[in-house]
């Protein structure tokens, strides 16, 4: 996988997001599950 562009530019300003950036975005629940394991089922 190719490393994506950083979200900030050299002067620390946030760059304009592209369609590719939005396609790579993940929901918080996906990230949390990856970090903390699957959510317990009730």
C-alpha atoms as a PDB file:
ATOM      1  CA  UNK A   1       0.000   0.000   0.000  1.00  0.00           C
ATOM      2  CA  UNK A   2       1.336   3.400  -0.938  1.00  0.00           C
ATOM      3  CA  UNK A   3       1.658   5.915   1.892  1.00  0.00           C
ATOM      4  CA  UNK A   4      -0.977   8.635   1.574  1.00  0.00           C
ATOM      5  CA  UNK A   5      -0.123  12.319   1.499  1.00  0.00           C
ATOM      6  CA  UNK A   6       0.047  13.988   4.903  1.00  0.00           C
ATOM      7  CA  UNK A   7      -3.046  15.988   5.811  1.00  0.00           C
ATOM      8  CA  UNK A   8      -0.933  19.065   6.529  1.00  0.00           C
ATOM      9  CA  UNK A   9       1.447  21.013   4.344  1.00  0.00           C
ATOM     10  CA  UNK A  10       4.987  22.157   5.246  1.00  0.00           C
ATOM     11  CA  UNK A  11       3.645  25.319   6.934  1.00  0.00           C
ATOM     12  CA  UNK A  12       1.335  23.161   9.136  1.00  0.00           C
ATOM     13  CA  UNK A  13      -1.798  24.268   7.306  1.00  0.00           C
ATOM     14  CA  UNK A  14      -4.326  21.553   6.546  1.00  0.00           C
ATOM     15  CA  UNK A  15      -4.345  20.798   2.835  1.00  0.00           C
ATOM     16  CA  UNK A  16      -7.491  20.505   0.760  1.00  0.00           C
ATOM     17  CA  UNK A  17      -8.894  17.006   1.080  1.00  0.00           C
ATOM     18  CA  UNK A  18      -9.392  15.015  -2.084  1.00  0.00           C
ATOM     19  CA  UNK A  19     -11.890  12.371  -3.115  1.00  0.00           C
ATOM     20  CA  UNK A  20      -9.182   9.773  -2.430  1.00  0.00           C
ATOM     21  CA  UNK A  21      -8.835  11.035   1.154  1.00  0.00           C
ATOM     22  CA  UNK A  22     -12.551  10.546   1.729  1.00  0.00           C
ATOM     23  CA  UNK A  23     -12.489   7.068   0.159  1.00  0.00           C
ATOM     24  CA  UNK A  24      -9.759   6.051   2.627  1.00  0.00           C
ATOM     25  CA  UNK A  25     -11.650   7.394   5.657  1.00  0.00           C
ATOM     26  CA  UNK A  26     -12.894   4.902   8.228  1.00  0.00           C
ATOM     27  CA  UNK A  27     -15.582   5.160  10.847  1.00  0.00           C
ATOM     28  CA  UNK A  28     -14.662   5.489  14.516  1.00  0.00           C
ATOM     29  CA  UNK A  29     -16.233   2.103  15.237  1.00  0.00           C
ATOM     30  CA  UNK A  30     -13.861   0.446  12.744  1.00  0.00           C
ATOM     31  CA  UNK A  31     -10.830   2.116  14.290  1.00  0.00           C
ATOM     32  CA  UNK A  32     -11.925   1.385  17.872  1.00  0.00           C
ATOM     33  CA  UNK A  33     -12.566  -2.270  17.048  1.00  0.00           C
ATOM     34  CA  UNK A  34      -9.056  -2.506  15.595  1.00  0.00           C
ATOM     35  CA  UNK A  35      -7.494  -0.813  18.642  1.00  0.00           C
ATOM     36  CA  UNK A  36      -9.521  -2.402  21.430  1.00  0.00           C
ATOM     37  CA  UNK A  37     -10.895  -5.602  19.950  1.00  0.00           C
ATOM     38  CA  UNK A  38     -14.426  -6.434  18.950  1.00  0.00           C
ATOM     39  CA  UNK A  39     -17.279  -4.838  20.869  1.00  0.00           C
ATOM     40  CA  UNK A  40     -18.982  -7.178  23.321  1.00  0.00           C
ATOM     41  CA  UNK A  41     -22.458  -8.172  22.197  1.00  0.00           C
ATOM     42  CA  UNK A  42     -25.343  -7.524  24.588  1.00  0.00           C
END
